[in-house]
Amino acid sequence: MDQTYLKKLLADLKRGRISEEKALSSIQNFSYESLGFATIDHHRQLRQGFPEVILCEGKSPRQISIIAQKIAERGSTLLATRATKKDFIAVRKVVKNAHYNSDARSITANEPGSTALAKKMILVVTAGTSDIPVAEEAVVTAKMMRQKVETMYDVGVAGIHRLLNQSGKLHRASVIIVVAGMDGALASVVGGLVRVPVIAVPTSTGYGASFGGIAPLLTMLNSCAAGVTVVNIDNGFGAAYAASLITRA
């Protein structure tokens, strides 16, 4: 729920388009709405600037669809992460304008306009092609938060010339999200080249000794490049959310 929704609610009540009972019911659920299996934080958009996001992992398609419907019917931006095609089919039945991004594994609806909040640009960089799903989660999240986003994929340290040949894009960015598995060294390299915040995202991509992302996580945490911060393994959403807050500051 945002200010636009509240203004419309009050205007409809004033003009007699809705009853006092319906207006009261909406206001009673203004802060949160209990569904038994979930409690939706409708106040989050007013409080933090972006509505509650659905993490689909661990939830049934039915649960996801009910939560999505409650968020979308208020006109709020809908973002669901780690979604399967089966989850999307369930959501699409109740949210007709929902879209599925198979690369990002995300469901979206009530998407914001294409105009970014600011001219500042978030650059999402991956070490390899296998890191793109996590990177695309970051891209979708940032765009839903009305950010200007560009990408630079498959420019890892095994062929560092690929990164250096596009250094102009690095220096145009206001925040850089570096997504890397395997050894995770790309975050330190980028951090040593730029003067802007770098948010490192370790991925679970890699062979046995990467321990499902633990190796790149430790590499990134031990970076000698100043200005590099690290989020959890495969957390493209968290990186993009933090980057978006930085550009708004």
C-alpha atoms as a PDB file:
ATOM      1  CA  MET A   1       0.000   0.000   0.000  1.00  0.00           C
ATOM      2  CA  ASP A   2       1.371   3.418  -0.953  1.00  0.00           C
ATOM      3  CA  GLN A   3       0.239   7.047  -0.794  1.00  0.00           C
ATOM      4  CA  THR A   4      -1.453   6.789  -4.196  1.00  0.00           C
ATOM      5  CA  TYR A   5      -3.638   3.936  -2.945  1.00  0.00           C
ATOM      6  CA  LEU A   6      -4.571   5.834   0.198  1.00  0.00           C
ATOM      7  CA  LYS A   7      -5.463   9.006  -1.730  1.00  0.00           C
ATOM      8  CA  LYS A   8      -7.652   7.006  -4.114  1.00  0.00           C
ATOM      9  CA  LEU A   9      -9.356   5.263  -1.195  1.00  0.00           C
ATOM     10  CA  LEU A  10     -10.189   8.567   0.474  1.00  0.00           C
ATOM     11  CA  ALA A  11     -11.336  10.121  -2.799  1.00  0.00           C
ATOM     12  CA  ASP A  12     -13.607   7.159  -3.547  1.00  0.00           C
ATOM     13  CA  LEU A  13     -15.094   7.404  -0.072  1.00  0.00           C
ATOM     14  CA  LYS A  14     -15.672  11.150  -0.434  1.00  0.00           C
ATOM     15  CA  ARG A  15     -17.425  10.716  -3.789  1.00  0.00           C
ATOM     16  CA  GLY A  16     -19.531   7.825  -2.541  1.00  0.00           C
ATOM     17  CA  ARG A  17     -17.925   5.245  -4.836  1.00  0.00           C
ATOM     18  CA  ILE A  18     -17.248   2.902  -1.922  1.00  0.00           C
ATOM     19  CA  SER A  19     -19.014   2.342   1.381  1.00  0.00           C
ATOM     20  CA  GLU A  20     -17.668   3.348   4.768  1.00  0.00           C
ATOM     21  CA  GLU A  21     -17.514  -0.360   5.651  1.00  0.00           C
ATOM     22  CA  LYS A  22     -15.249  -1.133   2.694  1.00  0.00           C
ATOM     23  CA  ALA A  23     -13.025   1.852   3.428  1.00  0.00           C
ATOM     24  CA  LEU A  24     -12.812   0.826   7.078  1.00  0.00           C
ATOM     25  CA  SER A  25     -11.918  -2.732   6.094  1.00  0.00           C
ATOM     26  CA  SER A  26      -9.071  -1.456   3.896  1.00  0.00           C
ATOM     27  CA  ILE A  27      -7.751   0.799   6.642  1.00  0.00           C
ATOM     28  CA  GLN A  28      -7.925  -1.992   9.202  1.00  0.00           C
ATOM     29  CA  ASN A  29      -5.589  -4.026   6.982  1.00  0.00           C
ATOM     30  CA  PHE A  30      -3.400  -0.998   6.334  1.00  0.00           C
ATOM     31  CA  SER A  31      -0.481  -2.206   8.454  1.00  0.00           C
ATOM     32  CA  TYR A  32      -0.581  -5.958   7.898  1.00  0.00           C
ATOM     33  CA  GLU A  33      -2.916  -8.720   6.818  1.00  0.00           C
ATOM     34  CA  SER A  34      -2.961 -12.180   8.371  1.00  0.00           C
ATOM     35  CA  LEU A  35      -3.591 -15.141   6.089  1.00  0.00           C
ATOM     36  CA  GLY A  36      -2.946 -17.805   8.690  1.00  0.00           C
ATOM     37  CA  PHE A  37       0.141 -19.192   6.962  1.00  0.00           C
ATOM     38  CA  ALA A  38       1.549 -15.714   6.238  1.00  0.00           C
ATOM     39  CA  THR A  39       1.273 -12.162   7.545  1.00  0.00           C
ATOM     40  CA  ILE A  40       1.679  -9.628   4.746  1.00  0.00           C
ATOM     41  CA  ASP A  41       3.415  -6.378   5.683  1.00  0.00           C
ATOM     42  CA  HIS A  42       1.368  -3.910   3.615  1.00  0.00           C
ATOM     43  CA  HIS A  43       2.959  -0.977   5.449  1.00  0.00           C
ATOM     44  CA  ARG A  44       6.451  -1.788   4.174  1.00  0.00           C
ATOM     45  CA  GLN A  45       6.180   0.317   1.027  1.00  0.00           C
ATOM     46  CA  LEU A  46       5.385   3.434   3.039  1.00  0.00           C
ATOM     47  CA  ARG A  47       7.993   2.570   5.656  1.00  0.00           C
ATOM     48  CA  GLN A  48      10.877   1.485   3.415  1.00  0.00           C
ATOM     49  CA  GLY A  49       9.949   2.596  -0.085  1.00  0.00           C
ATOM     50  CA  PHE A  50       9.350  -0.866  -1.573  1.00  0.00           C
ATOM     51  CA  PRO A  51       6.661  -3.481  -0.841  1.00  0.00           C
ATOM     52  CA  GLU A  52       7.264  -6.893   0.666  1.00  0.00           C
ATOM     53  CA  VAL A  53       8.980  -9.353  -1.685  1.00  0.00           C
ATOM     54  CA  ILE A  54       7.950 -13.013  -1.890  1.00  0.00           C
ATOM     55  CA  LEU A  55      10.676 -15.628  -1.511  1.00  0.00           C
ATOM     56  CA  CYS A  56       9.100 -18.615  -3.241  1.00  0.00           C
ATOM     57  CA  GLU A  57      11.466 -21.278  -1.947  1.00  0.00           C
ATOM     58  CA  GLY A  58       9.778 -23.285   0.786  1.00  0.00           C
ATOM     59  CA  LYS A  59       6.288 -22.110  -0.151  1.00  0.00           C
ATOM     60  CA  SER A  60       3.656 -24.010  -2.109  1.00  0.00           C
ATOM     61  CA  PRO A  61       2.316 -22.574  -5.389  1.00  0.00           C
ATOM     62  CA  ARG A  62      -1.039 -22.024  -3.674  1.00  0.00           C
ATOM     63  CA  GLN A  63       0.537 -20.047  -0.833  1.00  0.00           C
ATOM     64  CA  ILE A  64       2.548 -17.954  -3.298  1.00  0.00           C
ATOM     65  CA  SER A  65      -0.503 -17.199  -5.422  1.00  0.00           C
ATOM     66  CA  ILE A  66      -2.579 -16.046  -2.445  1.00  0.00           C
ATOM     67  CA  ILE A  67       0.176 -13.752  -1.156  1.00  0.00           C
ATOM     68  CA  ALA A  68       0.784 -12.393  -4.660  1.00  0.00           C
ATOM     69  CA  GLN A  69      -2.909 -11.670  -5.161  1.00  0.00           C
ATOM     70  CA  LYS A  70      -3.147  -9.752  -1.875  1.00  0.00           C
ATOM     71  CA  ILE A  71      -0.124  -7.620  -2.768  1.00  0.00           C
ATOM     72  CA  ALA A  72      -1.089  -6.977  -6.385  1.00  0.00           C
ATOM     73  CA  GLU A  73      -4.746  -6.141  -5.760  1.00  0.00           C
ATOM     74  CA  ARG A  74      -3.675  -3.078  -3.785  1.00  0.00           C
ATOM     75  CA  GLY A  75      -1.749  -1.822  -6.791  1.00  0.00           C
ATOM     76  CA  SER A  76       1.614  -2.518  -5.201  1.00  0.00           C
ATOM     77  CA  THR A  77       4.615  -3.616  -7.225  1.00  0.00           C
ATOM     78  CA  LEU A  78       4.850  -7.413  -7.092  1.00  0.00           C
ATOM     79  CA  LEU A  79       8.194  -9.188  -7.023  1.00  0.00           C
ATOM     80  CA  ALA A  80       8.618 -12.877  -6.241  1.00  0.00           C
ATOM     81  CA  THR A  81      12.081 -14.450  -6.317  1.00  0.00           C
ATOM     82  CA  ARG A  82      13.315 -18.047  -6.709  1.00  0.00           C
ATOM     83  CA  ALA A  83      10.088 -18.928  -8.487  1.00  0.00           C
ATOM     84  CA  THR A  84       9.449 -21.980 -10.651  1.00  0.00           C
ATOM     85  CA  LYS A  85       7.265 -22.140 -13.735  1.00  0.00           C
ATOM     86  CA  LYS A  86       4.730 -24.051 -11.628  1.00  0.00           C
ATOM     87  CA  ASP A  87       4.672 -21.147  -9.157  1.00  0.00           C
ATOM     88  CA  PHE A  88       4.089 -18.710 -12.010  1.00  0.00           C
ATOM     89  CA  ILE A  89       1.191 -20.720 -13.436  1.00  0.00           C
ATOM     90  CA  ALA A  90      -0.532 -20.546 -10.043  1.00  0.00           C
ATOM     91  CA  VAL A  91       0.100 -16.789  -9.713  1.00  0.00           C
ATOM     92  CA  ARG A  92      -1.036 -16.031 -13.267  1.00  0.00           C
ATOM     93  CA  LYS A  93      -4.481 -17.468 -12.471  1.00  0.00           C
ATOM     94  CA  VAL A  94      -5.104 -14.715  -9.912  1.00  0.00           C
ATOM     95  CA  VAL A  95      -2.769 -11.941 -11.142  1.00  0.00           C
ATOM     96  CA  LYS A  96      -3.491 -11.665 -14.852  1.00  0.00           C
ATOM     97  CA  ASN A  97      -0.714  -9.169 -15.642  1.00  0.00           C
ATOM     98  CA  ALA A  98       2.016 -11.284 -14.000  1.00  0.00           C
ATOM     99  CA  HIS A  99       5.209 -12.027 -15.957  1.00  0.00           C
ATOM    100  CA  TYR A 100       7.829 -14.744 -15.546  1.00  0.00           C
ATOM    101  CA  ASN A 101      11.553 -14.335 -16.156  1.00  0.00           C
ATOM    102  CA  SER A 102      13.021 -17.823 -16.448  1.00  0.00           C
ATOM    103  CA  ASP A 103      16.640 -16.596 -16.288  1.00  0.00           C
ATOM    104  CA  ALA A 104      16.065 -14.647 -13.064  1.00  0.00           C
ATOM    105  CA  ARG A 105      13.460 -17.137 -11.767  1.00  0.00           C
ATOM    106  CA  SER A 106      11.268 -14.178 -10.868  1.00  0.00           C
ATOM    107  CA  ILE A 107       7.587 -13.284 -11.079  1.00  0.00           C
ATOM    108  CA  THR A 108       6.650  -9.627 -11.472  1.00  0.00           C
ATOM    109  CA  ALA A 109       3.481  -7.575 -11.853  1.00  0.00           C
ATOM    110  CA  ASN A 110       2.474  -3.916 -11.623  1.00  0.00           C
ATOM    111  CA  GLU A 111       5.945  -3.090 -12.912  1.00  0.00           C
ATOM    112  CA  PRO A 112       7.056   0.539 -12.576  1.00  0.00           C
ATOM    113  CA  GLY A 113       7.525   2.718 -15.643  1.00  0.00           C
ATOM    114  CA  SER A 114      10.761   2.672 -17.581  1.00  0.00           C
ATOM    115  CA  THR A 115      11.861   6.048 -16.177  1.00  0.00           C
ATOM    116  CA  ALA A 116      14.539   5.555 -13.537  1.00  0.00           C
ATOM    117  CA  LEU A 117      14.431   7.403 -10.226  1.00  0.00           C
ATOM    118  CA  ALA A 118      17.880   8.880 -10.900  1.00  0.00           C
ATOM    119  CA  LYS A 119      20.478   9.059 -13.634  1.00  0.00           C
ATOM    120  CA  LYS A 120      22.858   6.978 -11.538  1.00  0.00           C
ATOM    121  CA  MET A 121      23.603   3.583 -13.059  1.00  0.00           C
ATOM    122  CA  ILE A 122      23.982   0.187 -11.404  1.00  0.00           C
ATOM    123  CA  LEU A 123      26.323  -2.130 -13.318  1.00  0.00           C
ATOM    124  CA  VAL A 124      25.945  -5.888 -12.872  1.00  0.00           C
ATOM    125  CA  VAL A 125      29.080  -7.857 -13.775  1.00  0.00           C
ATOM    126  CA  THR A 126      29.564 -11.624 -13.894  1.00  0.00           C
ATOM    127  CA  ALA A 127      32.713 -13.690 -13.965  1.00  0.00           C
ATOM    128  CA  GLY A 128      31.132 -16.417 -16.086  1.00  0.00           C
ATOM    129  CA  THR A 129      28.007 -17.299 -18.019  1.00  0.00           C
ATOM    130  CA  SER A 130      27.038 -19.763 -15.276  1.00  0.00           C
ATOM    131  CA  ASP A 131      26.690 -16.815 -12.889  1.00  0.00           C
ATOM    132  CA  ILE A 132      24.030 -15.107 -15.027  1.00  0.00           C
ATOM    133  CA  PRO A 133      20.944 -16.516 -13.213  1.00  0.00           C
ATOM    134  CA  VAL A 134      22.042 -14.823  -9.975  1.00  0.00           C
ATOM    135  CA  ALA A 135      22.970 -11.677 -11.905  1.00  0.00           C
ATOM    136  CA  GLU A 136      19.570 -11.595 -13.608  1.00  0.00           C
ATOM    137  CA  GLU A 137      17.883 -11.799 -10.203  1.00  0.00           C
ATOM    138  CA  ALA A 138      19.817  -8.641  -9.341  1.00  0.00           C
ATOM    139  CA  VAL A 139      18.887  -6.963 -12.628  1.00  0.00           C
ATOM    140  CA  VAL A 140      15.169  -7.643 -12.241  1.00  0.00           C
ATOM    141  CA  THR A 141      15.206  -6.478  -8.621  1.00  0.00           C
ATOM    142  CA  ALA A 142      16.989  -3.215  -9.462  1.00  0.00           C
ATOM    143  CA  LYS A 143      14.638  -2.482 -12.359  1.00  0.00           C
ATOM    144  CA  MET A 144      11.599  -3.124 -10.173  1.00  0.00           C
ATOM    145  CA  MET A 145      13.077  -0.543  -7.807  1.00  0.00           C
ATOM    146  CA  ARG A 146      13.208   1.893 -10.753  1.00  0.00           C
ATOM    147  CA  GLN A 147      16.958   1.846 -11.195  1.00  0.00           C
ATOM    148  CA  LYS A 148      18.982   2.306 -14.364  1.00  0.00           C
ATOM    149  CA  VAL A 149      20.815  -0.974 -14.928  1.00  0.00           C
ATOM    150  CA  GLU A 150      23.503  -2.147 -17.346  1.00  0.00           C
ATOM    151  CA  THR A 151      25.269  -5.504 -17.549  1.00  0.00           C
ATOM    152  CA  MET A 152      28.698  -6.891 -18.388  1.00  0.00           C
ATOM    153  CA  TYR A 153      28.685 -10.680 -18.516  1.00  0.00           C
ATOM    154  CA  ASP A 154      31.423 -13.343 -18.723  1.00  0.00           C
ATOM    155  CA  VAL A 155      34.448 -11.130 -18.029  1.00  0.00           C
ATOM    156  CA  GLY A 156      36.191 -13.184 -15.332  1.00  0.00           C
ATOM    157  CA  VAL A 157      39.851 -13.255 -14.391  1.00  0.00           C
ATOM    158  CA  ALA A 158      40.651 -16.198 -16.683  1.00  0.00           C
ATOM    159  CA  GLY A 159      40.485 -13.649 -19.516  1.00  0.00           C
ATOM    160  CA  ILE A 160      40.917 -10.350 -17.730  1.00  0.00           C
ATOM    161  CA  HIS A 161      41.323  -8.436 -21.016  1.00  0.00           C
ATOM    162  CA  ARG A 162      37.569  -8.862 -21.518  1.00  0.00           C
ATOM    163  CA  LEU A 163      36.972  -6.719 -18.444  1.00  0.00           C
ATOM    164  CA  LEU A 164      39.693  -4.151 -19.132  1.00  0.00           C
ATOM    165  CA  ASN A 165      38.487  -3.566 -22.681  1.00  0.00           C
ATOM    166  CA  GLN A 166      35.176  -2.336 -21.227  1.00  0.00           C
ATOM    167  CA  SER A 167      36.649  -0.178 -18.471  1.00  0.00           C
ATOM    168  CA  GLY A 168      34.645   2.830 -19.629  1.00  0.00           C
ATOM    169  CA  LYS A 169      31.439   1.161 -18.500  1.00  0.00           C
ATOM    170  CA  LEU A 170      32.998   0.416 -15.109  1.00  0.00           C
ATOM    171  CA  HIS A 171      33.792   4.092 -14.575  1.00  0.00           C
ATOM    172  CA  ARG A 172      30.294   5.250 -15.593  1.00  0.00           C
ATOM    173  CA  ALA A 173      28.635   3.176 -12.880  1.00  0.00           C
ATOM    174  CA  SER A 174      27.570   4.550  -9.505  1.00  0.00           C
ATOM    175  CA  VAL A 175      27.439   1.092  -7.894  1.00  0.00           C
ATOM    176  CA  ILE A 176      28.830  -2.170  -9.242  1.00  0.00           C
ATOM    177  CA  ILE A 177      27.484  -5.617  -8.390  1.00  0.00           C
ATOM    178  CA  VAL A 178      30.048  -8.338  -9.081  1.00  0.00           C
ATOM    179  CA  VAL A 179      28.671 -11.872  -9.316  1.00  0.00           C
ATOM    180  CA  ALA A 180      31.254 -14.656  -9.305  1.00  0.00           C
ATOM    181  CA  GLY A 181      31.637 -18.311  -8.368  1.00  0.00           C
ATOM    182  CA  MET A 182      34.692 -20.554  -8.618  1.00  0.00           C
ATOM    183  CA  ASP A 183      37.521 -18.539  -6.979  1.00  0.00           C
ATOM    184  CA  GLY A 184      35.503 -15.300  -6.657  1.00  0.00           C
ATOM    185  CA  ALA A 185      38.541 -13.171  -7.518  1.00  0.00           C
ATOM    186  CA  LEU A 186      36.730 -10.794  -9.878  1.00  0.00           C
ATOM    187  CA  ALA A 187      35.317  -8.668  -7.040  1.00  0.00           C
ATOM    188  CA  SER A 188      38.812  -7.720  -5.845  1.00  0.00           C
ATOM    189  CA  VAL A 189      39.926  -6.895  -9.378  1.00  0.00           C
ATOM    190  CA  VAL A 190      36.945  -4.604  -9.990  1.00  0.00           C
ATOM    191  CA  GLY A 191      37.289  -3.088  -6.523  1.00  0.00           C
ATOM    192  CA  GLY A 192      40.860  -2.121  -7.329  1.00  0.00           C
ATOM    193  CA  LEU A 193      39.867  -0.310 -10.527  1.00  0.00           C
ATOM    194  CA  VAL A 194      36.955   1.922  -9.479  1.00  0.00           C
ATOM    195  CA  ARG A 195      36.045   4.612  -6.965  1.00  0.00           C
ATOM    196  CA  VAL A 196      32.460   3.502  -6.329  1.00  0.00           C
ATOM    197  CA  PRO A 197      30.947   0.881  -3.978  1.00  0.00           C
ATOM    198  CA  VAL A 198      31.322  -2.716  -5.125  1.00  0.00           C
ATOM    199  CA  ILE A 199      28.837  -5.296  -3.864  1.00  0.00           C
ATOM    200  CA  ALA A 200      30.196  -8.810  -4.271  1.00  0.00           C
ATOM    201  CA  VAL A 201      27.874 -11.789  -4.706  1.00  0.00           C
ATOM    202  CA  PRO A 202      29.462 -15.237  -4.377  1.00  0.00           C
ATOM    203  CA  THR A 203      27.651 -17.935  -6.314  1.00  0.00           C
ATOM    204  CA  SER A 204      27.393 -21.673  -5.790  1.00  0.00           C
ATOM    205  CA  THR A 205      28.836 -22.207  -9.288  1.00  0.00           C
ATOM    206  CA  GLY A 206      32.066 -24.192  -9.242  1.00  0.00           C
ATOM    207  CA  TYR A 207      33.719 -27.556  -8.756  1.00  0.00           C
ATOM    208  CA  GLY A 208      34.005 -29.537  -5.515  1.00  0.00           C
ATOM    209  CA  ALA A 209      36.565 -27.351  -3.754  1.00  0.00           C
ATOM    210  CA  SER A 210      34.319 -24.313  -4.130  1.00  0.00           C
ATOM    211  CA  PHE A 211      32.097 -25.975  -1.493  1.00  0.00           C
ATOM    212  CA  GLY A 212      28.858 -24.656  -2.957  1.00  0.00           C
ATOM    213  CA  GLY A 213      29.973 -21.039  -2.835  1.00  0.00           C
ATOM    214  CA  ILE A 214      31.918 -21.037   0.435  1.00  0.00           C
ATOM    215  CA  ALA A 215      35.278 -20.600  -1.361  1.00  0.00           C
ATOM    216  CA  PRO A 216      34.263 -17.464  -3.333  1.00  0.00           C
ATOM    217  CA  LEU A 217      32.484 -16.129  -0.236  1.00  0.00           C
ATOM    218  CA  LEU A 218      35.701 -16.331   1.798  1.00  0.00           C
ATOM    219  CA  THR A 219      37.742 -14.853  -1.053  1.00  0.00           C
ATOM    220  CA  MET A 220      35.400 -11.876  -1.289  1.00  0.00           C
ATOM    221  CA  LEU A 221      35.325 -11.375   2.491  1.00  0.00           C
ATOM    222  CA  ASN A 222      39.127 -11.341   2.463  1.00  0.00           C
ATOM    223  CA  SER A 223      39.393  -8.870  -0.423  1.00  0.00           C
ATOM    224  CA  CYS A 224      42.291  -6.431  -0.133  1.00  0.00           C
ATOM    225  CA  ALA A 225      40.430  -3.890  -2.307  1.00  0.00           C
ATOM    226  CA  ALA A 226      38.824  -1.155  -0.257  1.00  0.00           C
ATOM    227  CA  GLY A 227      35.120  -0.523  -0.809  1.00  0.00           C
ATOM    228  CA  VAL A 228      34.095  -4.118  -1.460  1.00  0.00           C
ATOM    229  CA  THR A 229      31.197  -5.436   0.612  1.00  0.00           C
ATOM    230  CA  VAL A 230      29.738  -8.940   0.398  1.00  0.00           C
ATOM    231  CA  VAL A 231      26.263 -10.439   0.513  1.00  0.00           C
ATOM    232  CA  ASN A 232      25.274 -14.059   0.984  1.00  0.00           C
ATOM    233  CA  ILE A 233      25.797 -16.841  -1.541  1.00  0.00           C
ATOM    234  CA  ASP A 234      23.553 -16.498  -4.634  1.00  0.00           C
ATOM    235  CA  ASN A 235      21.853 -13.429  -3.130  1.00  0.00           C
ATOM    236  CA  GLY A 236      21.359 -11.317  -6.238  1.00  0.00           C
ATOM    237  CA  PHE A 237      18.212  -9.844  -4.724  1.00  0.00           C
ATOM    238  CA  GLY A 238      19.999  -8.595  -1.614  1.00  0.00           C
ATOM    239  CA  ALA A 239      22.808  -7.058  -3.647  1.00  0.00           C
ATOM    240  CA  ALA A 240      20.422  -5.167  -5.916  1.00  0.00           C
ATOM    241  CA  TYR A 241      18.290  -3.939  -3.022  1.00  0.00           C
ATOM    242  CA  ALA A 242      21.371  -2.556  -1.272  1.00  0.00           C
ATOM    243  CA  ALA A 243      22.665  -0.996  -4.501  1.00  0.00           C
ATOM    244  CA  SER A 244      19.325   0.705  -5.057  1.00  0.00           C
ATOM    245  CA  LEU A 245      19.404   2.216  -1.581  1.00  0.00           C
ATOM    246  CA  ILE A 246      22.914   3.524  -2.271  1.00  0.00           C
ATOM    247  CA  THR A 247      21.853   5.287  -5.486  1.00  0.00           C
ATOM    248  CA  ARG A 248      18.946   6.930  -3.656  1.00  0.00           C
ATOM    249  CA  ALA A 249      21.154   8.316  -0.900  1.00  0.00           C
END
